[in-house]
C-alpha cells in the first residue's frame, strides 16, 4: 500500500486571522478523526490509506479551504 497524506490549507477570507475545526473521515464510515484546529495560513497534513476520504470544515470566520492528496501512485506513468 502506498503512503498518502491528505492536506488541508485554511486561508482567511477578508480577515487578518481565522481558524477552523477540521474532521477527516473515510467514506465507508469506518473512521472519523478530529476535530483538529487549524489556523489561517496553515496547512494540516494527515496520513490516510487507499480508501476514499472526506473533509468537514467548521468555522465562525469566512475561510477558503484547499484540499489535496499527496502520495500513492495515482499520478504515476509507466
N, C-alpha and C. Protein backbone atom coordinates (compact mmCIF):
# COMPACT_ATOMS: atom_id res chain seq x y z
N UNK A 1 0.84 -1.18 0.00
CA UNK A 1 0.00 0.00 0.00
C UNK A 1 0.89 1.24 0.00
N UNK A 2 0.59 2.18 -0.86
CA UNK A 2 1.37 3.40 -0.96
C UNK A 2 1.01 4.35 0.17
N UNK A 3 2.01 5.08 0.65
CA UNK A 3 1.79 6.05 1.71
C UNK A 3 1.18 7.31 1.10
N UNK A 4 0.09 7.80 1.71
CA UNK A 4 -0.57 9.01 1.21
C UNK A 4 -0.89 9.92 2.38
N UNK A 5 -1.03 11.21 2.07
CA UNK A 5 -1.44 12.19 3.06
C UNK A 5 -2.51 13.08 2.46
N UNK A 6 -3.52 13.39 3.26
CA UNK A 6 -4.49 14.39 2.85
C UNK A 6 -4.04 15.71 3.46
N UNK A 7 -4.07 16.77 2.65
CA UNK A 7 -3.61 18.09 3.07
C UNK A 7 -4.78 19.06 3.02
N UNK A 8 -4.90 19.87 4.05
CA UNK A 8 -5.97 20.86 4.12
C UNK A 8 -5.33 22.20 4.45
N UNK A 9 -5.51 23.18 3.58
CA UNK A 9 -4.98 24.53 3.83
C UNK A 9 -6.16 25.47 4.04
N UNK A 10 -6.12 26.20 5.17
CA UNK A 10 -7.15 27.16 5.51
C UNK A 10 -6.60 28.56 5.24
N UNK A 11 -7.34 29.36 4.49
CA UNK A 11 -6.96 30.73 4.19
C UNK A 11 -8.07 31.66 4.65
N UNK A 12 -7.70 32.74 5.31
CA UNK A 12 -8.68 33.72 5.78
C UNK A 12 -9.24 34.48 4.59
N UNK A 13 -10.54 34.68 4.61
CA UNK A 13 -11.21 35.40 3.54
C UNK A 13 -11.70 36.74 4.07
N UNK A 14 -10.93 37.80 3.84
CA UNK A 14 -11.35 39.13 4.25
C UNK A 14 -10.98 39.51 5.67
N UNK A 15 -10.31 38.65 6.42
CA UNK A 15 -9.88 38.99 7.77
C UNK A 15 -8.40 38.68 7.92
N UNK A 16 -7.78 39.26 8.94
CA UNK A 16 -6.36 39.03 9.16
C UNK A 16 -6.08 37.71 9.85
N UNK A 17 -7.02 37.26 10.70
CA UNK A 17 -6.80 35.99 11.38
C UNK A 17 -8.11 35.20 11.39
N UNK A 18 -7.97 33.88 11.37
CA UNK A 18 -9.12 33.00 11.39
C UNK A 18 -8.66 31.62 11.84
N UNK A 19 -9.61 30.79 12.15
CA UNK A 19 -9.30 29.39 12.44
C UNK A 19 -10.50 28.54 12.05
N UNK A 20 -10.26 27.25 11.95
CA UNK A 20 -11.31 26.32 11.55
C UNK A 20 -11.09 25.00 12.28
N UNK A 21 -12.18 24.31 12.54
CA UNK A 21 -12.13 22.94 13.06
C UNK A 21 -12.34 22.00 11.88
N UNK A 22 -11.50 20.97 11.82
CA UNK A 22 -11.50 20.05 10.67
C UNK A 22 -11.66 18.62 11.16
N UNK A 23 -12.52 17.89 10.48
CA UNK A 23 -12.66 16.44 10.69
C UNK A 23 -12.30 15.75 9.38
N UNK A 24 -11.64 14.62 9.48
CA UNK A 24 -11.29 13.80 8.32
C UNK A 24 -11.99 12.46 8.52
N UNK A 25 -12.69 11.99 7.48
CA UNK A 25 -13.46 10.75 7.64
C UNK A 25 -13.35 9.88 6.40
N UNK A 26 -13.40 8.57 6.61
CA UNK A 26 -13.42 7.64 5.49
C UNK A 26 -14.85 7.56 4.97
N UNK A 27 -15.01 7.50 3.66
CA UNK A 27 -16.34 7.47 3.07
C UNK A 27 -17.09 6.17 3.37
N UNK A 28 -16.37 5.14 3.78
CA UNK A 28 -17.05 3.90 4.17
C UNK A 28 -17.59 3.96 5.60
N UNK A 29 -17.35 5.08 6.30
CA UNK A 29 -17.88 5.29 7.64
C UNK A 29 -17.12 4.60 8.76
N UNK A 30 -15.99 3.97 8.46
CA UNK A 30 -15.26 3.24 9.49
C UNK A 30 -14.41 4.14 10.38
N UNK A 31 -13.94 5.28 9.87
CA UNK A 31 -13.04 6.13 10.64
C UNK A 31 -13.45 7.59 10.56
N UNK A 32 -13.38 8.27 11.72
CA UNK A 32 -13.57 9.71 11.81
C UNK A 32 -12.46 10.23 12.72
N UNK A 33 -11.70 11.23 12.25
CA UNK A 33 -10.62 11.82 13.03
C UNK A 33 -10.87 13.31 13.20
N UNK A 34 -10.61 13.80 14.40
CA UNK A 34 -10.77 15.22 14.66
C UNK A 34 -11.66 15.44 15.85
N UNK A 35 -11.95 16.66 16.19
CA UNK A 35 -11.60 17.85 15.40
C UNK A 35 -10.15 18.28 15.60
N UNK A 36 -9.58 18.82 14.54
CA UNK A 36 -8.26 19.42 14.56
C UNK A 36 -8.47 20.91 14.33
N UNK A 37 -7.83 21.75 15.14
CA UNK A 37 -7.96 23.19 14.94
C UNK A 37 -6.81 23.67 14.07
N UNK A 38 -7.16 24.33 12.97
CA UNK A 38 -6.17 24.82 12.00
C UNK A 38 -6.31 26.34 11.91
N UNK A 39 -5.20 27.03 12.03
CA UNK A 39 -5.16 28.49 11.93
C UNK A 39 -5.06 28.90 10.48
N UNK A 40 -5.55 30.11 10.17
CA UNK A 40 -5.45 30.64 8.82
C UNK A 40 -4.01 30.71 8.35
N UNK A 41 -3.77 30.31 7.11
CA UNK A 41 -2.43 30.28 6.54
C UNK A 41 -1.69 28.99 6.81
N UNK A 42 -2.25 28.12 7.60
CA UNK A 42 -1.61 26.86 7.98
C UNK A 42 -2.10 25.73 7.08
N UNK A 43 -1.21 24.79 6.80
CA UNK A 43 -1.58 23.57 6.08
C UNK A 43 -1.48 22.40 7.05
N UNK A 44 -2.56 21.66 7.18
CA UNK A 44 -2.63 20.50 8.06
C UNK A 44 -2.53 19.25 7.20
N UNK A 45 -1.65 18.31 7.58
CA UNK A 45 -1.49 17.05 6.85
C UNK A 45 -1.82 15.88 7.77
N UNK A 46 -2.45 14.85 7.19
CA UNK A 46 -2.85 13.69 7.97
C UNK A 46 -2.65 12.44 7.11
N UNK A 47 -2.02 11.38 7.64
CA UNK A 47 -1.81 10.16 6.86
C UNK A 47 -3.12 9.42 6.63
N UNK A 48 -3.31 8.93 5.40
CA UNK A 48 -4.51 8.17 5.05
C UNK A 48 -4.10 6.91 4.27
N UNK A 49 -5.02 5.98 4.17
CA UNK A 49 -4.77 4.78 3.39
C UNK A 49 -5.40 4.93 2.01
N UNK A 50 -5.59 3.81 1.30
CA UNK A 50 -6.03 3.89 -0.10
C UNK A 50 -7.56 3.96 -0.27
N UNK A 51 -8.30 4.07 0.85
CA UNK A 51 -9.75 4.26 0.74
C UNK A 51 -10.07 5.69 0.32
N UNK A 52 -11.35 5.97 0.04
CA UNK A 52 -11.78 7.32 -0.27
C UNK A 52 -12.06 8.07 1.03
N UNK A 53 -11.69 9.36 1.07
CA UNK A 53 -11.77 10.16 2.28
C UNK A 53 -12.49 11.47 2.02
N UNK A 54 -13.09 12.03 3.07
CA UNK A 54 -13.75 13.32 3.00
C UNK A 54 -13.26 14.23 4.11
N UNK A 55 -13.58 15.52 3.99
CA UNK A 55 -13.18 16.52 4.96
C UNK A 55 -14.40 17.37 5.31
N UNK A 56 -14.62 17.61 6.60
CA UNK A 56 -15.65 18.52 7.07
C UNK A 56 -14.94 19.68 7.75
N UNK A 57 -15.35 20.91 7.40
CA UNK A 57 -14.74 22.11 7.96
C UNK A 57 -15.82 22.97 8.59
N UNK A 58 -15.61 23.41 9.83
CA UNK A 58 -16.50 24.34 10.51
C UNK A 58 -15.69 25.53 10.98
N UNK A 59 -16.23 26.73 10.77
CA UNK A 59 -15.55 27.94 11.22
C UNK A 59 -16.57 29.04 11.43
N UNK A 60 -16.33 29.87 12.44
CA UNK A 60 -17.15 31.07 12.64
C UNK A 60 -16.68 32.20 11.72
N UNK A 61 -15.50 32.03 11.12
CA UNK A 61 -14.91 33.02 10.22
C UNK A 61 -15.18 32.64 8.78
N UNK A 62 -15.05 33.61 7.87
CA UNK A 62 -15.09 33.30 6.44
C UNK A 62 -13.73 32.75 6.05
N UNK A 63 -13.70 31.51 5.59
CA UNK A 63 -12.44 30.87 5.22
C UNK A 63 -12.54 30.24 3.84
N UNK A 64 -11.41 30.13 3.20
CA UNK A 64 -11.26 29.35 1.97
C UNK A 64 -10.47 28.11 2.33
N UNK A 65 -10.86 26.97 1.78
CA UNK A 65 -10.21 25.71 2.13
C UNK A 65 -9.78 24.99 0.86
N UNK A 66 -8.50 24.63 0.81
CA UNK A 66 -7.97 23.81 -0.28
C UNK A 66 -7.67 22.43 0.29
N UNK A 67 -8.05 21.39 -0.45
CA UNK A 67 -7.81 20.01 -0.02
C UNK A 67 -7.16 19.26 -1.17
N UNK A 68 -6.06 18.54 -0.88
CA UNK A 68 -5.41 17.72 -1.90
C UNK A 68 -4.73 16.54 -1.23
N UNK A 69 -4.44 15.53 -2.03
CA UNK A 69 -3.80 14.30 -1.54
C UNK A 69 -2.44 14.16 -2.21
N UNK A 70 -1.42 13.92 -1.38
CA UNK A 70 -0.07 13.66 -1.85
C UNK A 70 0.25 12.19 -1.64
N UNK A 71 1.05 11.63 -2.53
CA UNK A 71 1.50 10.26 -2.37
C UNK A 71 0.66 9.29 -3.17
N UNK A 72 0.94 8.03 -2.97
CA UNK A 72 0.25 7.00 -3.76
C UNK A 72 0.81 6.98 -5.16
N UNK A 73 0.18 6.21 -6.02
CA UNK A 73 0.68 6.11 -7.39
C UNK A 73 -0.37 6.54 -8.40
N UNK A 74 -1.37 7.34 -7.97
CA UNK A 74 -2.42 7.72 -8.90
C UNK A 74 -1.94 8.58 -10.04
N UNK A 75 -0.77 9.22 -9.92
CA UNK A 75 -0.24 10.04 -10.98
C UNK A 75 1.00 9.42 -11.63
N UNK A 76 1.25 8.18 -11.33
CA UNK A 76 2.44 7.50 -11.85
C UNK A 76 2.21 7.02 -13.27
N UNK A 77 3.11 7.40 -14.16
CA UNK A 77 3.05 6.93 -15.55
C UNK A 77 4.14 5.90 -15.79
N UNK A 78 3.79 4.82 -16.43
CA UNK A 78 4.79 3.79 -16.76
C UNK A 78 5.01 3.73 -18.23
